[in-house]
Amino acid sequence: MLDIGKTATWLLRRLNPETAHELAIHSIAHGLAGRGKPDHSALRTEALGLSFPNPIGLAAGFDKNARAVRGLARLGFGFVETGTVTPRPQPGNPRPRLFRLVDDHAIINRMGFNSCGIDRFCQNLTPLFRPDGNGTVKAAGVPLGINLGINKTGADPLVDYPALVGRTKSYADYITINLSSPNTPGLRDLQATDMLARLLDAIQTAHPDRPPLLVKLAPDLEDDAYGPILQTALDGGADGLILTNTTLARPARLTDPHREEAGGLSGAPLAERARHVLQLVSDLNNGRLCLVSSGGIETGKDILERLKMGADLVQVYTAFIYEGPAVLTRLKQELLHEMSRSGIRTLASLRR
């Protein structure tokens, strides 16, 4: 019997990466990518004051303009993070700007925050909400994260980020401020503790009633930079960290012809550094902030390893690009198998 999902993924991988991405978004938005099975109760996870049916989220960058949230939730993600969205529409960097490193199971992108802008973004989210007697009910089905960024030109971070929080806080279950994309000039400078402190203070002052706030960090910082950033995030009222964004590093073992392309590298080659940064931050965190691990997650064993290391949740991106929706079924089956082997009855028991 023909597996439509696998066949579609096979076909998409033979198209130009951006063309394939657009077709995937369109298909998922229109419910053409299928529906995942209900999650095993053992996978239920609590974090950020929210309940997740499983700990596997979709990282920002796939559904930049919030066009396919409902369809993505139906595939079986435990949560979906949309964006990055910028205050004003912008086209991003010139094409080509997205490259599959098939031999390395990796991706390089230099998209540059291509975005429909916050006005259109919020319009796209509106159909996910319907009124009831007590206000509104979100119909996405799983927790929704919104990832915020700044425009390439004319940006004022201390104004733009609080304004974006204000525009999106009624839609989001949590909000991420992206300070770590390598493709927007000067953005990573905002990770410096003095600037981060000012930024978090500006957001907290303007929006003390906001949803949980996370900060997304780069993997390319010096090891000793993460401790002060963690403390600054705690002092500034942040609720969590996403570890990590894509890397500018190029591991020597890369073999694909696209390996020298400029941009951020994601996928399997990032796994070692992502684990290292997670362990580093987790050892300092002591459970105070929610930690979301991303980077090179390809198996259920990877997921359980990150959770044991101190992550509360994980995010995938590259594995989803390469395998399509089937990756979620596989990851959950493998995760349940690894939990059984380790004598772990529920993921909730890891945090008791």
C-alpha atoms as a PDB file:
ATOM      1  CA  MET A   1       0.000   0.000   0.000  1.00  0.00           C
ATOM      2  CA  LEU A   2       1.322   3.447  -0.925  1.00  0.00           C
ATOM      3  CA  ASP A   3       2.357   5.586   2.056  1.00  0.00           C
ATOM      4  CA  ILE A   4       1.205   9.034   0.938  1.00  0.00           C
ATOM      5  CA  GLY A   5       3.167  10.853   3.651  1.00  0.00           C
ATOM      6  CA  LYS A   6       6.467   9.186   2.814  1.00  0.00           C
ATOM      7  CA  THR A   7       5.859   9.598  -0.911  1.00  0.00           C
ATOM      8  CA  ALA A   8       5.160  13.311  -0.481  1.00  0.00           C
ATOM      9  CA  THR A   9       8.310  13.753   1.599  1.00  0.00           C
ATOM     10  CA  TRP A  10      10.354  11.918  -1.051  1.00  0.00           C
ATOM     11  CA  LEU A  11       8.984  14.208  -3.756  1.00  0.00           C
ATOM     12  CA  LEU A  12       9.504  17.389  -1.753  1.00  0.00           C
ATOM     13  CA  ARG A  13      13.153  16.511  -1.167  1.00  0.00           C
ATOM     14  CA  ARG A  14      13.708  16.554  -4.918  1.00  0.00           C
ATOM     15  CA  LEU A  15      12.487  20.120  -5.305  1.00  0.00           C
ATOM     16  CA  ASN A  16      14.325  23.361  -4.644  1.00  0.00           C
ATOM     17  CA  PRO A  17      14.381  23.686  -0.820  1.00  0.00           C
ATOM     18  CA  GLU A  18      12.308  26.868  -0.664  1.00  0.00           C
ATOM     19  CA  THR A  19       9.793  25.601  -3.205  1.00  0.00           C
ATOM     20  CA  ALA A  20       9.480  22.388  -1.223  1.00  0.00           C
ATOM     21  CA  HIS A  21       9.040  24.354   1.992  1.00  0.00           C
ATOM     22  CA  GLU A  22       6.246  26.451   0.539  1.00  0.00           C
ATOM     23  CA  LEU A  23       4.441  23.372  -0.746  1.00  0.00           C
ATOM     24  CA  ALA A  24       4.806  21.706   2.647  1.00  0.00           C
ATOM     25  CA  ILE A  25       3.336  24.715   4.468  1.00  0.00           C
ATOM     26  CA  HIS A  26       0.443  24.852   2.007  1.00  0.00           C
ATOM     27  CA  SER A  27      -0.258  21.130   2.336  1.00  0.00           C
ATOM     28  CA  ILE A  28      -0.131  21.141   6.127  1.00  0.00           C
ATOM     29  CA  ALA A  29      -2.279  24.279   6.353  1.00  0.00           C
ATOM     30  CA  HIS A  30      -4.958  22.581   4.254  1.00  0.00           C
ATOM     31  CA  GLY A  31      -4.926  19.344   6.236  1.00  0.00           C
ATOM     32  CA  LEU A  32      -3.287  17.304   3.489  1.00  0.00           C
ATOM     33  CA  ALA A  33      -0.417  15.955   5.610  1.00  0.00           C
ATOM     34  CA  GLY A  34      -2.442  13.601   7.785  1.00  0.00           C
ATOM     35  CA  ARG A  35      -3.057  13.400  11.504  1.00  0.00           C
ATOM     36  CA  GLY A  36      -1.033  11.829  14.284  1.00  0.00           C
ATOM     37  CA  LYS A  37      -2.386   9.339  16.788  1.00  0.00           C
ATOM     38  CA  PRO A  38      -3.297  10.398  20.342  1.00  0.00           C
ATOM     39  CA  ASP A  39      -0.261  10.505  22.608  1.00  0.00           C
ATOM     40  CA  HIS A  40       0.460   7.961  25.313  1.00  0.00           C
ATOM     41  CA  SER A  41      -0.238   9.460  28.722  1.00  0.00           C
ATOM     42  CA  ALA A  42       3.322   8.650  29.804  1.00  0.00           C
ATOM     43  CA  LEU A  43       4.577  11.409  27.497  1.00  0.00           C
ATOM     44  CA  ARG A  44       2.545  14.199  29.094  1.00  0.00           C
ATOM     45  CA  THR A  45       4.812  16.990  30.279  1.00  0.00           C
ATOM     46  CA  GLU A  46       4.283  20.027  32.495  1.00  0.00           C
ATOM     47  CA  ALA A  47       6.420  23.128  32.001  1.00  0.00           C
ATOM     48  CA  LEU A  48       5.985  26.915  32.048  1.00  0.00           C
ATOM     49  CA  GLY A  49       2.688  26.376  33.839  1.00  0.00           C
ATOM     50  CA  LEU A  50       1.400  24.640  30.705  1.00  0.00           C
ATOM     51  CA  SER A  51       0.459  21.058  29.886  1.00  0.00           C
ATOM     52  CA  PHE A  52       2.038  19.433  26.822  1.00  0.00           C
ATOM     53  CA  PRO A  53       0.747  16.126  25.370  1.00  0.00           C
ATOM     54  CA  ASN A  54       4.372  15.247  24.612  1.00  0.00           C
ATOM     55  CA  PRO A  55       7.664  17.100  24.978  1.00  0.00           C
ATOM     56  CA  ILE A  56       8.486  17.313  21.244  1.00  0.00           C
ATOM     57  CA  GLY A  57       7.971  20.755  19.756  1.00  0.00           C
ATOM     58  CA  LEU A  58       8.526  22.259  16.342  1.00  0.00           C
ATOM     59  CA  ALA A  59      11.247  24.885  16.412  1.00  0.00           C
ATOM     60  CA  ALA A  60      10.683  28.350  15.021  1.00  0.00           C
ATOM     61  CA  GLY A  61      11.633  28.907  11.399  1.00  0.00           C
ATOM     62  CA  PHE A  62       9.325  26.373   9.790  1.00  0.00           C
ATOM     63  CA  ASP A  63       6.027  28.249  10.015  1.00  0.00           C
ATOM     64  CA  LYS A  64       7.407  31.761  10.000  1.00  0.00           C
ATOM     65  CA  ASN A  65       4.112  33.464   9.203  1.00  0.00           C
ATOM     66  CA  ALA A  66       1.739  31.336  11.339  1.00  0.00           C
ATOM     67  CA  ARG A  67      -0.034  29.867   8.331  1.00  0.00           C
ATOM     68  CA  ALA A  68      -0.183  26.199   9.355  1.00  0.00           C
ATOM     69  CA  VAL A  69      -0.467  26.072  13.153  1.00  0.00           C
ATOM     70  CA  ARG A  70      -3.588  23.948  13.321  1.00  0.00           C
ATOM     71  CA  GLY A  71      -2.286  21.480  10.737  1.00  0.00           C
ATOM     72  CA  LEU A  72       1.067  21.179  12.491  1.00  0.00           C
ATOM     73  CA  ALA A  73      -0.641  20.493  15.812  1.00  0.00           C
ATOM     74  CA  ARG A  74      -2.650  17.715  14.179  1.00  0.00           C
ATOM     75  CA  LEU A  75       0.548  16.004  13.055  1.00  0.00           C
ATOM     76  CA  GLY A  76       1.389  15.229  16.669  1.00  0.00           C
ATOM     77  CA  PHE A  77       3.743  17.921  17.893  1.00  0.00           C
ATOM     78  CA  GLY A  78       3.524  18.580  21.612  1.00  0.00           C
ATOM     79  CA  PHE A  79       3.795  22.292  20.912  1.00  0.00           C
ATOM     80  CA  VAL A  80       4.391  24.542  17.923  1.00  0.00           C
ATOM     81  CA  GLU A  81       6.584  27.642  17.831  1.00  0.00           C
ATOM     82  CA  THR A  82       5.806  30.059  15.011  1.00  0.00           C
ATOM     83  CA  GLY A  83       7.904  32.903  13.613  1.00  0.00           C
ATOM     84  CA  THR A  84      10.352  34.499  13.704  1.00  0.00           C
ATOM     85  CA  VAL A  85       8.074  37.500  13.086  1.00  0.00           C
ATOM     86  CA  THR A  86       9.398  41.049  12.691  1.00  0.00           C
ATOM     87  CA  PRO A  87       7.618  44.382  13.235  1.00  0.00           C
ATOM     88  CA  ARG A  88       7.515  45.239   9.525  1.00  0.00           C
ATOM     89  CA  PRO A  89       7.372  42.938   6.505  1.00  0.00           C
ATOM     90  CA  GLN A  90      10.757  42.170   4.986  1.00  0.00           C
ATOM     91  CA  PRO A  91      11.886  39.824   2.219  1.00  0.00           C
ATOM     92  CA  GLY A  92      14.959  38.447   3.948  1.00  0.00           C
ATOM     93  CA  ASN A  93      18.223  37.743   2.178  1.00  0.00           C
ATOM     94  CA  PRO A  94      18.609  37.115  -1.561  1.00  0.00           C
ATOM     95  CA  ARG A  95      18.099  33.586  -2.872  1.00  0.00           C
ATOM     96  CA  PRO A  96      19.506  30.981  -2.809  1.00  0.00           C
ATOM     97  CA  ARG A  97      19.520  31.055   0.976  1.00  0.00           C
ATOM     98  CA  LEU A  98      18.486  27.550   2.058  1.00  0.00           C
ATOM     99  CA  PHE A  99      20.654  24.477   1.468  1.00  0.00           C
ATOM    100  CA  ARG A 100      20.200  20.815   2.297  1.00  0.00           C
ATOM    101  CA  LEU A 101      23.393  19.022   3.315  1.00  0.00           C
ATOM    102  CA  VAL A 102      21.964  15.597   2.626  1.00  0.00           C
ATOM    103  CA  ASP A 103      25.210  13.714   3.220  1.00  0.00           C
ATOM    104  CA  ASP A 104      25.457  15.280   6.685  1.00  0.00           C
ATOM    105  CA  HIS A 105      21.744  15.260   7.567  1.00  0.00           C
ATOM    106  CA  ALA A 106      21.988  19.010   8.058  1.00  0.00           C
ATOM    107  CA  ILE A 107      20.676  22.303   6.725  1.00  0.00           C
ATOM    108  CA  ILE A 108      22.334  25.677   6.225  1.00  0.00           C
ATOM    109  CA  ASN A 109      20.084  28.716   6.053  1.00  0.00           C
ATOM    110  CA  ARG A 110      20.677  32.403   5.692  1.00  0.00           C
ATOM    111  CA  MET A 111      17.014  33.340   5.343  1.00  0.00           C
ATOM    112  CA  GLY A 112      17.431  36.637   7.194  1.00  0.00           C
ATOM    113  CA  PHE A 113      14.085  36.803   9.022  1.00  0.00           C
ATOM    114  CA  ASN A 114      11.916  36.827   5.916  1.00  0.00           C
ATOM    115  CA  SER A 115       8.594  37.812   7.459  1.00  0.00           C
ATOM    116  CA  CYS A 116       5.081  38.938   6.587  1.00  0.00           C
ATOM    117  CA  GLY A 117       5.302  41.441   9.457  1.00  0.00           C
ATOM    118  CA  ILE A 118       3.391  41.526  12.708  1.00  0.00           C
ATOM    119  CA  ASP A 119       0.101  42.839  11.286  1.00  0.00           C
ATOM    120  CA  ARG A 120      -0.353  40.003   8.815  1.00  0.00           C
ATOM    121  CA  PHE A 121       1.022  37.494  11.320  1.00  0.00           C
ATOM    122  CA  CYS A 122      -1.691  38.344  13.844  1.00  0.00           C
ATOM    123  CA  GLN A 123      -4.334  38.183  11.123  1.00  0.00           C
ATOM    124  CA  ASN A 124      -3.161  34.652  10.338  1.00  0.00           C
ATOM    125  CA  LEU A 125      -3.514  33.662  13.996  1.00  0.00           C
ATOM    126  CA  THR A 126      -7.010  35.093  14.481  1.00  0.00           C
ATOM    127  CA  PRO A 127      -8.868  32.069  13.012  1.00  0.00           C
ATOM    128  CA  LEU A 128      -7.303  29.885  15.710  1.00  0.00           C
ATOM    129  CA  PHE A 129      -9.441  31.593  18.329  1.00  0.00           C
ATOM    130  CA  ARG A 130     -13.182  31.503  18.774  1.00  0.00           C
ATOM    131  CA  PRO A 131     -15.330  33.332  21.331  1.00  0.00           C
ATOM    132  CA  ASP A 132     -17.126  31.609  24.162  1.00  0.00           C
ATOM    133  CA  GLY A 133     -18.905  32.772  27.283  1.00  0.00           C
ATOM    134  CA  ASN A 134     -15.669  33.493  29.151  1.00  0.00           C
ATOM    135  CA  GLY A 135     -13.616  35.119  26.416  1.00  0.00           C
ATOM    136  CA  THR A 136     -11.866  33.096  23.738  1.00  0.00           C
ATOM    137  CA  VAL A 137     -10.881  29.496  23.202  1.00  0.00           C
ATOM    138  CA  LYS A 138      -7.744  28.554  21.276  1.00  0.00           C
ATOM    139  CA  ALA A 139      -8.383  25.905  18.654  1.00  0.00           C
ATOM    140  CA  ALA A 140      -4.758  25.089  17.860  1.00  0.00           C
ATOM    141  CA  GLY A 141      -4.874  21.992  20.071  1.00  0.00           C
ATOM    142  CA  VAL A 142      -1.406  22.290  21.639  1.00  0.00           C
ATOM    143  CA  PRO A 143       0.556  25.118  23.304  1.00  0.00           C
ATOM    144  CA  LEU A 144       1.529  27.837  20.843  1.00  0.00           C
ATOM    145  CA  GLY A 145       4.828  29.701  21.012  1.00  0.00           C
ATOM    146  CA  ILE A 146       5.557  32.905  19.117  1.00  0.00           C
ATOM    147  CA  ASN A 147       9.145  33.779  18.243  1.00  0.00           C
ATOM    148  CA  LEU A 148       9.961  37.486  17.938  1.00  0.00           C
ATOM    149  CA  GLY A 149      12.757  39.240  16.053  1.00  0.00           C
ATOM    150  CA  ILE A 150      13.752  42.632  14.707  1.00  0.00           C
ATOM    151  CA  ASN A 151      13.995  44.075  11.223  1.00  0.00           C
ATOM    152  CA  LYS A 152      17.307  44.198   9.416  1.00  0.00           C
ATOM    153  CA  THR A 153      17.115  47.984   9.062  1.00  0.00           C
ATOM    154  CA  GLY A 154      15.547  50.644  11.230  1.00  0.00           C
ATOM    155  CA  ALA A 155      15.387  48.423  14.302  1.00  0.00           C
ATOM    156  CA  ASP A 156      15.186  49.693  17.879  1.00  0.00           C
ATOM    157  CA  PRO A 157      15.282  46.554  20.042  1.00  0.00           C
ATOM    158  CA  LEU A 158      14.258  48.282  23.274  1.00  0.00           C
ATOM    159  CA  VAL A 159      11.123  49.528  21.530  1.00  0.00           C
ATOM    160  CA  ASP A 160      10.499  46.747  19.031  1.00  0.00           C
ATOM    161  CA  TYR A 161      10.589  43.721  21.329  1.00  0.00           C
ATOM    162  CA  PRO A 162       8.164  45.157  23.925  1.00  0.00           C
ATOM    163  CA  ALA A 163       5.855  46.254  21.098  1.00  0.00           C
ATOM    164  CA  LEU A 164       5.915  42.763  19.601  1.00  0.00           C
ATOM    165  CA  VAL A 165       5.179  41.218  22.987  1.00  0.00           C
ATOM    166  CA  GLY A 166       2.206  43.543  23.291  1.00  0.00           C
ATOM    167  CA  ARG A 167       0.873  42.543  19.881  1.00  0.00           C
ATOM    168  CA  THR A 168       1.235  38.790  20.431  1.00  0.00           C
ATOM    169  CA  LYS A 169       0.626  38.184  24.136  1.00  0.00           C
ATOM    170  CA  SER A 170      -3.094  37.523  23.681  1.00  0.00           C
ATOM    171  CA  TYR A 171      -2.333  34.789  21.131  1.00  0.00           C
ATOM    172  CA  ALA A 172       0.683  33.056  22.645  1.00  0.00           C
ATOM    173  CA  ASP A 173       0.991  30.415  25.338  1.00  0.00           C
ATOM    174  CA  TYR A 174       4.618  31.477  25.554  1.00  0.00           C
ATOM    175  CA  ILE A 175       6.795  34.038  23.773  1.00  0.00           C
ATOM    176  CA  THR A 176      10.403  33.678  22.653  1.00  0.00           C
ATOM    177  CA  ILE A 177      12.708  36.597  21.980  1.00  0.00           C
ATOM    178  CA  ASN A 178      15.178  35.539  19.330  1.00  0.00           C
ATOM    179  CA  LEU A 179      18.561  37.110  20.035  1.00  0.00           C
ATOM    180  CA  SER A 180      20.651  34.494  18.304  1.00  0.00           C
ATOM    181  CA  SER A 181      19.953  34.170  14.595  1.00  0.00           C
ATOM    182  CA  PRO A 182      23.292  34.538  12.792  1.00  0.00           C
ATOM    183  CA  ASN A 183      21.639  36.092   9.746  1.00  0.00           C
ATOM    184  CA  THR A 184      20.565  39.505  11.085  1.00  0.00           C
ATOM    185  CA  PRO A 185      23.508  41.893  11.581  1.00  0.00           C
ATOM    186  CA  GLY A 186      24.035  42.861  15.219  1.00  0.00           C
ATOM    187  CA  LEU A 187      21.312  40.606  16.607  1.00  0.00           C
ATOM    188  CA  ARG A 188      23.641  38.348  18.591  1.00  0.00           C
ATOM    189  CA  ASP A 189      25.065  41.415  20.342  1.00  0.00           C
ATOM    190  CA  LEU A 190      21.770  41.565  22.247  1.00  0.00           C
ATOM    191  CA  GLN A 191      22.837  38.460  24.191  1.00  0.00           C
ATOM    192  CA  ALA A 192      25.394  40.579  26.096  1.00  0.00           C
ATOM    193  CA  THR A 193      24.257  40.732  29.708  1.00  0.00           C
ATOM    194  CA  ASP A 194      23.942  44.523  29.904  1.00  0.00           C
ATOM    195  CA  MET A 195      21.798  44.702  26.789  1.00  0.00           C
ATOM    196  CA  LEU A 196      19.765  41.638  27.768  1.00  0.00           C
ATOM    197  CA  ALA A 197      19.036  43.169  31.165  1.00  0.00           C
ATOM    198  CA  ARG A 198      17.777  46.376  29.564  1.00  0.00           C
ATOM    199  CA  LEU A 199      15.682  44.430  27.086  1.00  0.00           C
ATOM    200  CA  LEU A 200      14.037  42.239  29.703  1.00  0.00           C
ATOM    201  CA  ASP A 201      13.376  45.268  31.905  1.00  0.00           C
ATOM    202  CA  ALA A 202      11.699  47.070  29.007  1.00  0.00           C
ATOM    203  CA  ILE A 203       9.463  44.062  28.322  1.00  0.00           C
ATOM    204  CA  GLN A 204       8.611  43.524  31.989  1.00  0.00           C
ATOM    205  CA  THR A 205       7.819  47.186  32.525  1.00  0.00           C
ATOM    206  CA  ALA A 206       5.539  47.371  29.499  1.00  0.00           C
ATOM    207  CA  HIS A 207       3.911  43.965  29.923  1.00  0.00           C
ATOM    208  CA  PRO A 208       3.934  42.555  33.459  1.00  0.00           C
ATOM    209  CA  ASP A 209       0.896  40.486  32.450  1.00  0.00           C
ATOM    210  CA  ARG A 210       2.613  38.692  29.562  1.00  0.00           C
ATOM    211  CA  PRO A 211       2.754  34.920  28.959  1.00  0.00           C
ATOM    212  CA  PRO A 212       5.938  33.026  29.895  1.00  0.00           C
ATOM    213  CA  LEU A 213       8.965  34.574  28.203  1.00  0.00           C
ATOM    214  CA  LEU A 214      11.903  32.577  26.827  1.00  0.00           C
ATOM    215  CA  VAL A 215      15.232  33.744  25.414  1.00  0.00           C
ATOM    216  CA  LYS A 216      16.762  31.856  22.495  1.00  0.00           C
ATOM    217  CA  LEU A 217      20.557  31.690  22.647  1.00  0.00           C
ATOM    218  CA  ALA A 218      23.316  30.885  20.188  1.00  0.00           C
ATOM    219  CA  PRO A 219      25.548  27.809  20.510  1.00  0.00           C
ATOM    220  CA  ASP A 220      28.621  29.827  19.537  1.00  0.00           C
ATOM    221  CA  LEU A 221      29.133  31.756  22.774  1.00  0.00           C
ATOM    222  CA  GLU A 222      32.128  31.050  24.964  1.00  0.00           C
ATOM    223  CA  ASP A 223      31.292  28.513  27.659  1.00  0.00           C
ATOM    224  CA  ASP A 224      31.779  31.029  30.450  1.00  0.00           C
ATOM    225  CA  ALA A 225      29.232  33.416  28.892  1.00  0.00           C
ATOM    226  CA  TYR A 226      26.229  31.226  29.641  1.00  0.00           C
ATOM    227  CA  GLY A 227      26.347  31.587  33.425  1.00  0.00           C
ATOM    228  CA  PRO A 228      26.027  35.399  33.446  1.00  0.00           C
ATOM    229  CA  ILE A 229      23.316  35.222  30.779  1.00  0.00           C
ATOM    230  CA  LEU A 230      21.393  32.699  32.857  1.00  0.00           C
ATOM    231  CA  GLN A 231      21.583  34.953  35.914  1.00  0.00           C
ATOM    232  CA  THR A 232      20.554  37.983  33.877  1.00  0.00           C
ATOM    233  CA  ALA A 233      17.566  36.096  32.511  1.00  0.00           C
ATOM    234  CA  LEU A 234      16.545  35.096  36.040  1.00  0.00           C
ATOM    235  CA  ASP A 235      16.985  38.619  37.377  1.00  0.00           C
ATOM    236  CA  GLY A 236      15.047  40.059  34.443  1.00  0.00           C
ATOM    237  CA  GLY A 237      12.006  37.872  34.962  1.00  0.00           C
ATOM    238  CA  ALA A 238      12.474  35.501  32.029  1.00  0.00           C
ATOM    239  CA  ASP A 239      10.885  32.087  32.380  1.00  0.00           C
ATOM    240  CA  GLY A 240      13.125  29.943  30.211  1.00  0.00           C
ATOM    241  CA  LEU A 241      15.927  29.535  27.695  1.00  0.00           C
ATOM    242  CA  ILE A 242      15.973  27.817  24.312  1.00  0.00           C
ATOM    243  CA  LEU A 243      19.318  26.096  23.756  1.00  0.00           C
ATOM    244  CA  THR A 244      20.247  26.537  20.967  1.00  0.00           C
ATOM    245  CA  ASN A 245      19.871  28.320  17.649  1.00  0.00           C
ATOM    246  CA  THR A 246      21.876  27.406  14.538  1.00  0.00           C
ATOM    247  CA  THR A 247      25.674  27.596  14.508  1.00  0.00           C
ATOM    248  CA  LEU A 248      28.208  29.440  12.396  1.00  0.00           C
ATOM    249  CA  ALA A 249      30.736  26.708  13.107  1.00  0.00           C
ATOM    250  CA  ARG A 250      31.560  24.140  10.436  1.00  0.00           C
ATOM    251  CA  PRO A 251      32.649  20.829  11.977  1.00  0.00           C
ATOM    252  CA  ALA A 252      35.511  19.220  10.113  1.00  0.00           C
ATOM    253  CA  ARG A 253      33.499  16.075   9.436  1.00  0.00           C
ATOM    254  CA  LEU A 254      31.067  17.843   7.065  1.00  0.00           C
ATOM    255  CA  THR A 255      31.272  16.301   3.599  1.00  0.00           C
ATOM    256  CA  ASP A 256      28.398  17.801   1.607  1.00  0.00           C
ATOM    257  CA  PRO A 257      29.336  20.195  -1.233  1.00  0.00           C
ATOM    258  CA  HIS A 258      27.175  22.920   0.379  1.00  0.00           C
ATOM    259  CA  ARG A 259      29.194  22.876   3.607  1.00  0.00           C
ATOM    260  CA  GLU A 260      30.926  26.211   2.889  1.00  0.00           C
ATOM    261  CA  GLU A 261      27.714  28.148   2.289  1.00  0.00           C
ATOM    262  CA  ALA A 262      27.258  31.108   4.629  1.00  0.00           C
ATOM    263  CA  GLY A 263      24.521  30.927   7.239  1.00  0.00           C
ATOM    264  CA  GLY A 264      23.418  28.962  10.267  1.00  0.00           C
ATOM    265  CA  LEU A 265      23.999  25.209  10.365  1.00  0.00           C
ATOM    266  CA  SER A 266      21.385  22.934  11.948  1.00  0.00           C
ATOM    267  CA  GLY A 267      20.879  19.201  12.204  1.00  0.00           C
ATOM    268  CA  ALA A 268      23.105  16.298  13.202  1.00  0.00           C
ATOM    269  CA  PRO A 269      26.433  18.226  13.196  1.00  0.00           C
ATOM    270  CA  LEU A 270      25.062  20.566  15.872  1.00  0.00           C
ATOM    271  CA  ALA A 271      24.156  17.780  18.308  1.00  0.00           C
ATOM    272  CA  GLU A 272      27.449  17.594  20.213  1.00  0.00           C
ATOM    273  CA  ARG A 273      27.584  21.334  20.889  1.00  0.00           C
ATOM    274  CA  ALA A 274      23.868  21.461  21.739  1.00  0.00           C
ATOM    275  CA  ARG A 275      24.326  18.730  24.339  1.00  0.00           C
ATOM    276  CA  HIS A 276      27.371  20.480  25.779  1.00  0.00           C
ATOM    277  CA  VAL A 277      25.571  23.815  26.141  1.00  0.00           C
ATOM    278  CA  LEU A 278      22.526  22.129  27.674  1.00  0.00           C
ATOM    279  CA  GLN A 279      24.642  20.338  30.281  1.00  0.00           C
ATOM    280  CA  LEU A 280      26.573  23.516  31.035  1.00  0.00           C
ATOM    281  CA  VAL A 281      23.441  25.594  31.580  1.00  0.00           C
ATOM    282  CA  SER A 282      21.521  22.836  33.365  1.00  0.00           C
ATOM    283  CA  ASP A 283      24.290  22.428  35.928  1.00  0.00           C
ATOM    284  CA  LEU A 284      23.986  26.136  36.729  1.00  0.00           C
ATOM    285  CA  ASN A 285      20.220  26.355  36.472  1.00  0.00           C
ATOM    286  CA  ASN A 286      19.133  23.947  39.209  1.00  0.00           C
ATOM    287  CA  GLY A 287      15.618  23.854  37.793  1.00  0.00           C
ATOM    288  CA  ARG A 288      14.989  27.581  38.099  1.00  0.00           C
ATOM    289  CA  LEU A 289      14.303  28.307  34.424  1.00  0.00           C
ATOM    290  CA  CYS A 290      12.542  26.093  31.897  1.00  0.00           C
ATOM    291  CA  LEU A 291      15.127  24.735  29.457  1.00  0.00           C
ATOM    292  CA  VAL A 292      14.204  23.808  25.893  1.00  0.00           C
ATOM    293  CA  SER A 293      16.868  21.823  24.041  1.00  0.00           C
ATOM    294  CA  SER A 294      17.211  21.996  20.278  1.00  0.00           C
ATOM    295  CA  GLY A 295      19.918  20.965  17.856  1.00  0.00           C
ATOM    296  CA  GLY A 296      20.593  17.626  16.208  1.00  0.00           C
ATOM    297  CA  ILE A 297      17.769  15.657  17.842  1.00  0.00           C
ATOM    298  CA  GLU A 298      17.114  12.638  15.628  1.00  0.00           C
ATOM    299  CA  THR A 299      16.002   9.741  17.862  1.00  0.00           C
ATOM    300  CA  GLY A 300      13.914   8.960  20.900  1.00  0.00           C
ATOM    301  CA  LYS A 301      17.153   8.147  22.695  1.00  0.00           C
ATOM    302  CA  ASP A 302      18.353  11.690  21.944  1.00  0.00           C
ATOM    303  CA  ILE A 303      15.177  13.091  23.466  1.00  0.00           C
ATOM    304  CA  LEU A 304      15.386  11.086  26.669  1.00  0.00           C
ATOM    305  CA  GLU A 305      19.061  11.977  26.995  1.00  0.00           C
ATOM    306  CA  ARG A 306      18.285  15.698  26.763  1.00  0.00           C
ATOM    307  CA  LEU A 307      15.447  15.381  29.284  1.00  0.00           C
ATOM    308  CA  LYS A 308      17.698  13.525  31.718  1.00  0.00           C
ATOM    309  CA  MET A 309      20.321  16.246  31.265  1.00  0.00           C
ATOM    310  CA  GLY A 310      17.854  18.858  32.460  1.00  0.00           C
ATOM    311  CA  ALA A 311      15.764  19.911  29.482  1.00  0.00           C
ATOM    312  CA  ASP A 312      12.060  20.265  30.173  1.00  0.00           C
ATOM    313  CA  LEU A 313      11.143  20.182  26.492  1.00  0.00           C
ATOM    314  CA  VAL A 314      12.853  19.618  23.154  1.00  0.00           C
ATOM    315  CA  GLN A 315      12.417  21.028  19.667  1.00  0.00           C
ATOM    316  CA  VAL A 316      13.101  19.482  16.282  1.00  0.00           C
ATOM    317  CA  TYR A 317      13.477  21.063  12.879  1.00  0.00           C
ATOM    318  CA  THR A 318      15.954  19.403  10.539  1.00  0.00           C
ATOM    319  CA  ALA A 319      14.753  15.861  11.253  1.00  0.00           C
ATOM    320  CA  PHE A 320      11.214  17.015  10.407  1.00  0.00           C
ATOM    321  CA  ILE A 321      12.429  18.520   7.134  1.00  0.00           C
ATOM    322  CA  TYR A 322      14.130  15.296   6.098  1.00  0.00           C
ATOM    323  CA  GLU A 323      11.528  12.761   7.264  1.00  0.00           C
ATOM    324  CA  GLY A 324       8.257  14.668   7.298  1.00  0.00           C
ATOM    325  CA  PRO A 325       5.383  13.923   9.695  1.00  0.00           C
ATOM    326  CA  ALA A 326       6.425  10.263  10.051  1.00  0.00           C
ATOM    327  CA  VAL A 327       9.329  11.405  12.206  1.00  0.00           C
ATOM    328  CA  LEU A 328       6.940  12.210  15.069  1.00  0.00           C
ATOM    329  CA  THR A 329       5.517   8.703  15.214  1.00  0.00           C
ATOM    330  CA  ARG A 330       9.014   7.251  15.155  1.00  0.00           C
ATOM    331  CA  LEU A 331      10.380   9.592  17.817  1.00  0.00           C
ATOM    332  CA  LYS A 332       7.523   8.887  20.207  1.00  0.00           C
ATOM    333  CA  GLN A 333       7.755   5.133  19.753  1.00  0.00           C
ATOM    334  CA  GLU A 334      11.498   5.261  20.344  1.00  0.00           C
ATOM    335  CA  LEU A 335      11.085   7.540  23.346  1.00  0.00           C
ATOM    336  CA  LEU A 336       8.566   5.192  24.954  1.00  0.00           C
ATOM    337  CA  HIS A 337      10.910   2.264  24.269  1.00  0.00           C
ATOM    338  CA  GLU A 338      13.864   4.067  25.866  1.00  0.00           C
ATOM    339  CA  MET A 339      11.724   5.021  28.848  1.00  0.00           C
ATOM    340  CA  SER A 340      10.725   1.376  29.320  1.00  0.00           C
ATOM    341  CA  ARG A 341      14.336   0.252  29.117  1.00  0.00           C
ATOM    342  CA  SER A 342      15.287   2.830  31.752  1.00  0.00           C
ATOM    343  CA  GLY A 343      12.414   1.981  34.066  1.00  0.00           C
ATOM    344  CA  ILE A 344      10.787   5.388  33.576  1.00  0.00           C
ATOM    345  CA  ARG A 345       7.012   5.066  33.706  1.00  0.00           C
ATOM    346  CA  THR A 346       6.199   8.696  32.929  1.00  0.00           C
ATOM    347  CA  LEU A 347       8.182  11.748  31.888  1.00  0.00           C
ATOM    348  CA  ALA A 348       6.608  13.602  34.794  1.00  0.00           C
ATOM    349  CA  SER A 349       8.583  11.326  37.140  1.00  0.00           C
ATOM    350  CA  LEU A 350      11.858  12.826  35.855  1.00  0.00           C
ATOM    351  CA  ARG A 351      11.065  16.118  37.595  1.00  0.00           C
ATOM    352  CA  ARG A 352       9.878  14.784  40.965  1.00  0.00           C
END
